[in-house]
Amino acid sequence: MTQVVVTVMPKEGVLDPQGQAVRGALAQLGFGGVGEVRIGKRIELAIEGDDPGGQAREMCEQLLANALIEDYRVEVTG
């Protein structure tokens, strides 16, 4: 089994209401020096086979990421 980490983030220019809400809450708590906040997700997978990175990319294209509004990064960690 090979460990793979997939990071999915909103594309640049796509509205991120969750990130905006967190930025506003941080400002209310006194953290005024925070710029843009973007919220994404991290997915950890244990994948069998010869090409775990390729398999993870296929999973992203079919299920894990919405290609219209999200970018993803696949990292084979071990």
N, C-alpha and C. Protein backbone atom coordinates (compact mmCIF):
# COMPACT_ATOMS: atom_id res chain seq x y z
N MET A 1 0.85 -1.18 0.00
CA MET A 1 0.00 0.00 0.00
C MET A 1 0.89 1.25 0.00
N THR A 2 0.52 2.17 -0.84
CA THR A 2 1.24 3.44 -0.93
C THR A 2 0.34 4.54 -0.40
N GLN A 3 0.91 5.40 0.43
CA GLN A 3 0.16 6.51 0.98
C GLN A 3 0.15 7.67 -0.01
N VAL A 4 -1.02 8.23 -0.25
CA VAL A 4 -1.18 9.35 -1.16
C VAL A 4 -2.02 10.41 -0.45
N VAL A 5 -1.58 11.66 -0.57
CA VAL A 5 -2.33 12.78 -0.01
C VAL A 5 -2.84 13.63 -1.16
N VAL A 6 -4.14 13.89 -1.16
CA VAL A 6 -4.77 14.76 -2.16
C VAL A 6 -5.23 16.02 -1.44
N THR A 7 -4.82 17.17 -1.96
CA THR A 7 -5.27 18.45 -1.43
C THR A 7 -6.18 19.10 -2.47
N VAL A 8 -7.38 19.43 -2.07
CA VAL A 8 -8.37 20.04 -2.97
C VAL A 8 -8.65 21.45 -2.45
N MET A 9 -8.52 22.43 -3.35
CA MET A 9 -8.74 23.83 -2.98
C MET A 9 -9.62 24.50 -4.03
N PRO A 10 -10.34 25.54 -3.62
CA PRO A 10 -11.11 26.30 -4.61
C PRO A 10 -10.15 26.95 -5.62
N LYS A 11 -10.56 27.01 -6.86
CA LYS A 11 -9.73 27.67 -7.88
C LYS A 11 -9.62 29.16 -7.56
N GLU A 12 -8.51 29.76 -8.01
CA GLU A 12 -8.35 31.20 -7.86
C GLU A 12 -9.53 31.89 -8.55
N GLY A 13 -10.07 32.90 -7.92
CA GLY A 13 -11.18 33.64 -8.51
C GLY A 13 -12.55 33.07 -8.21
N VAL A 14 -12.60 31.87 -7.62
CA VAL A 14 -13.88 31.27 -7.25
C VAL A 14 -14.24 31.73 -5.83
N LEU A 15 -15.45 32.18 -5.66
CA LEU A 15 -15.92 32.63 -4.36
C LEU A 15 -15.79 31.51 -3.33
N ASP A 16 -15.21 31.85 -2.17
CA ASP A 16 -15.04 30.88 -1.09
C ASP A 16 -15.76 31.42 0.14
N PRO A 17 -17.07 31.21 0.27
CA PRO A 17 -17.82 31.78 1.38
C PRO A 17 -17.34 31.28 2.74
N GLN A 18 -16.90 30.04 2.81
CA GLN A 18 -16.41 29.51 4.09
C GLN A 18 -15.13 30.25 4.49
N GLY A 19 -14.24 30.48 3.53
CA GLY A 19 -13.01 31.23 3.81
C GLY A 19 -13.32 32.65 4.24
N GLN A 20 -14.31 33.29 3.59
CA GLN A 20 -14.68 34.65 3.96
C GLN A 20 -15.25 34.70 5.37
N ALA A 21 -16.04 33.70 5.73
CA ALA A 21 -16.61 33.64 7.08
C ALA A 21 -15.52 33.50 8.12
N VAL A 22 -14.53 32.64 7.84
CA VAL A 22 -13.43 32.45 8.79
C VAL A 22 -12.62 33.73 8.91
N ARG A 23 -12.36 34.40 7.79
CA ARG A 23 -11.61 35.67 7.83
C ARG A 23 -12.35 36.69 8.68
N GLY A 24 -13.67 36.81 8.51
CA GLY A 24 -14.46 37.74 9.31
C GLY A 24 -14.42 37.40 10.78
N ALA A 25 -14.52 36.12 11.11
CA ALA A 25 -14.47 35.70 12.52
C ALA A 25 -13.11 35.98 13.13
N LEU A 26 -12.04 35.76 12.35
CA LEU A 26 -10.70 36.07 12.86
C LEU A 26 -10.54 37.56 13.14
N ALA A 27 -11.09 38.39 12.25
CA ALA A 27 -11.03 39.84 12.46
C ALA A 27 -11.77 40.23 13.74
N GLN A 28 -12.93 39.61 13.98
CA GLN A 28 -13.69 39.90 15.19
C GLN A 28 -12.94 39.48 16.44
N LEU A 29 -12.09 38.47 16.31
CA LEU A 29 -11.30 38.00 17.45
C LEU A 29 -10.02 38.81 17.64
N GLY A 30 -9.82 39.80 16.78
CA GLY A 30 -8.65 40.66 16.93
C GLY A 30 -7.48 40.32 16.03
N PHE A 31 -7.67 39.39 15.11
CA PHE A 31 -6.61 39.02 14.17
C PHE A 31 -6.83 39.80 12.87
N GLY A 32 -6.60 41.11 12.93
CA GLY A 32 -6.89 41.98 11.81
C GLY A 32 -5.91 41.89 10.66
N GLY A 33 -4.75 41.33 10.87
CA GLY A 33 -3.73 41.28 9.84
C GLY A 33 -3.85 40.09 8.90
N VAL A 34 -4.98 39.40 8.91
CA VAL A 34 -5.16 38.23 8.06
C VAL A 34 -5.73 38.66 6.72
N GLY A 35 -5.08 38.25 5.64
CA GLY A 35 -5.57 38.56 4.31
C GLY A 35 -6.58 37.52 3.87
N GLU A 36 -6.44 37.08 2.64
CA GLU A 36 -7.37 36.11 2.09
C GLU A 36 -7.29 34.78 2.85
N VAL A 37 -8.44 34.17 3.09
CA VAL A 37 -8.52 32.85 3.70
C VAL A 37 -9.26 31.95 2.72
N ARG A 38 -8.66 30.81 2.43
CA ARG A 38 -9.28 29.83 1.54
C ARG A 38 -9.36 28.51 2.28
N ILE A 39 -10.50 27.87 2.23
CA ILE A 39 -10.72 26.61 2.92
C ILE A 39 -10.78 25.48 1.89
N GLY A 40 -10.02 24.44 2.14
CA GLY A 40 -10.00 23.29 1.25
C GLY A 40 -10.18 22.00 2.03
N LYS A 41 -9.75 20.92 1.41
CA LYS A 41 -9.84 19.63 2.10
C LYS A 41 -8.60 18.80 1.78
N ARG A 42 -8.23 17.97 2.73
CA ARG A 42 -7.09 17.05 2.59
C ARG A 42 -7.66 15.65 2.68
N ILE A 43 -7.30 14.82 1.71
CA ILE A 43 -7.78 13.45 1.65
C ILE A 43 -6.57 12.53 1.66
N GLU A 44 -6.50 11.62 2.61
CA GLU A 44 -5.40 10.66 2.71
C GLU A 44 -5.89 9.31 2.25
N LEU A 45 -5.16 8.71 1.32
CA LEU A 45 -5.54 7.43 0.74
C LEU A 45 -4.40 6.43 0.87
N ALA A 46 -4.72 5.17 1.06
CA ALA A 46 -3.77 4.07 0.96
C ALA A 46 -4.17 3.29 -0.28
N ILE A 47 -3.29 3.31 -1.30
CA ILE A 47 -3.65 2.76 -2.61
C ILE A 47 -2.68 1.65 -2.99
N GLU A 48 -3.22 0.53 -3.48
CA GLU A 48 -2.41 -0.57 -4.01
C GLU A 48 -2.18 -0.34 -5.49
N GLY A 49 -1.13 -0.96 -6.02
CA GLY A 49 -0.93 -0.94 -7.46
C GLY A 49 0.36 -0.25 -7.86
N ASP A 50 0.62 -0.26 -9.17
CA ASP A 50 1.87 0.27 -9.71
C ASP A 50 1.89 1.78 -9.85
N ASP A 51 0.72 2.42 -9.96
CA ASP A 51 0.66 3.86 -10.20
C ASP A 51 -0.34 4.52 -9.25
N PRO A 52 -0.01 4.58 -7.96
CA PRO A 52 -0.96 5.15 -7.01
C PRO A 52 -1.27 6.62 -7.28
N GLY A 53 -0.28 7.38 -7.74
CA GLY A 53 -0.52 8.78 -8.07
C GLY A 53 -1.49 8.93 -9.21
N GLY A 54 -1.33 8.11 -10.23
CA GLY A 54 -2.25 8.14 -11.37
C GLY A 54 -3.65 7.73 -10.97
N GLN A 55 -3.74 6.72 -10.10
CA GLN A 55 -5.05 6.30 -9.63
C GLN A 55 -5.73 7.41 -8.84
N ALA A 56 -4.95 8.09 -8.01
CA ALA A 56 -5.51 9.18 -7.21
C ALA A 56 -5.98 10.33 -8.11
N ARG A 57 -5.24 10.63 -9.19
CA ARG A 57 -5.67 11.66 -10.13
C ARG A 57 -7.00 11.27 -10.79
N GLU A 58 -7.12 10.01 -11.17
CA GLU A 58 -8.39 9.53 -11.75
C GLU A 58 -9.54 9.68 -10.74
N MET A 59 -9.27 9.36 -9.47
CA MET A 59 -10.28 9.51 -8.43
C MET A 59 -10.71 10.97 -8.31
N CYS A 60 -9.75 11.88 -8.41
CA CYS A 60 -10.06 13.31 -8.32
C CYS A 60 -10.94 13.74 -9.49
N GLU A 61 -10.59 13.28 -10.68
CA GLU A 61 -11.35 13.66 -11.87
C GLU A 61 -12.78 13.13 -11.82
N GLN A 62 -12.96 11.95 -11.22
CA GLN A 62 -14.28 11.32 -11.21
C GLN A 62 -15.12 11.62 -9.98
N LEU A 63 -14.47 11.92 -8.83
CA LEU A 63 -15.24 12.03 -7.60
C LEU A 63 -14.73 13.06 -6.60
N LEU A 64 -13.45 13.07 -6.32
CA LEU A 64 -12.93 13.82 -5.18
C LEU A 64 -12.89 15.33 -5.36
N ALA A 65 -12.81 15.81 -6.60
CA ALA A 65 -12.74 17.25 -6.85
C ALA A 65 -13.74 17.62 -7.94
N ASN A 66 -14.28 18.81 -7.83
CA ASN A 66 -15.16 19.35 -8.85
C ASN A 66 -14.29 20.21 -9.78
N ALA A 67 -13.99 19.70 -10.96
CA ALA A 67 -13.04 20.36 -11.87
C ALA A 67 -13.48 21.76 -12.29
N LEU A 68 -14.75 22.06 -12.17
CA LEU A 68 -15.23 23.40 -12.55
C LEU A 68 -14.80 24.47 -11.55
N ILE A 69 -14.74 24.12 -10.27
CA ILE A 69 -14.47 25.13 -9.26
C ILE A 69 -13.29 24.81 -8.34
N GLU A 70 -12.69 23.62 -8.49
CA GLU A 70 -11.62 23.22 -7.58
C GLU A 70 -10.38 22.75 -8.35
N ASP A 71 -9.24 23.03 -7.77
CA ASP A 71 -7.97 22.47 -8.21
C ASP A 71 -7.55 21.40 -7.20
N TYR A 72 -6.72 20.49 -7.62
CA TYR A 72 -6.23 19.48 -6.68
C TYR A 72 -4.75 19.22 -6.91
N ARG A 73 -4.10 18.74 -5.86
CA ARG A 73 -2.70 18.37 -5.92
C ARG A 73 -2.58 16.96 -5.33
N VAL A 74 -1.86 16.09 -6.02
CA VAL A 74 -1.65 14.72 -5.55
C VAL A 74 -0.19 14.58 -5.13
N GLU A 75 0.02 14.07 -3.93
CA GLU A 75 1.36 13.87 -3.40
C GLU A 75 1.50 12.42 -2.93
N VAL A 76 2.39 11.68 -3.55
CA VAL A 76 2.68 10.30 -3.12
C VAL A 76 3.68 10.41 -1.98
N THR A 77 3.30 9.96 -0.77
CA THR A 77 4.14 10.17 0.40
C THR A 77 4.88 8.93 0.87
N GLY A 78 4.52 7.78 0.40
CA GLY A 78 5.25 6.62 0.87
C GLY A 78 4.65 5.32 0.55
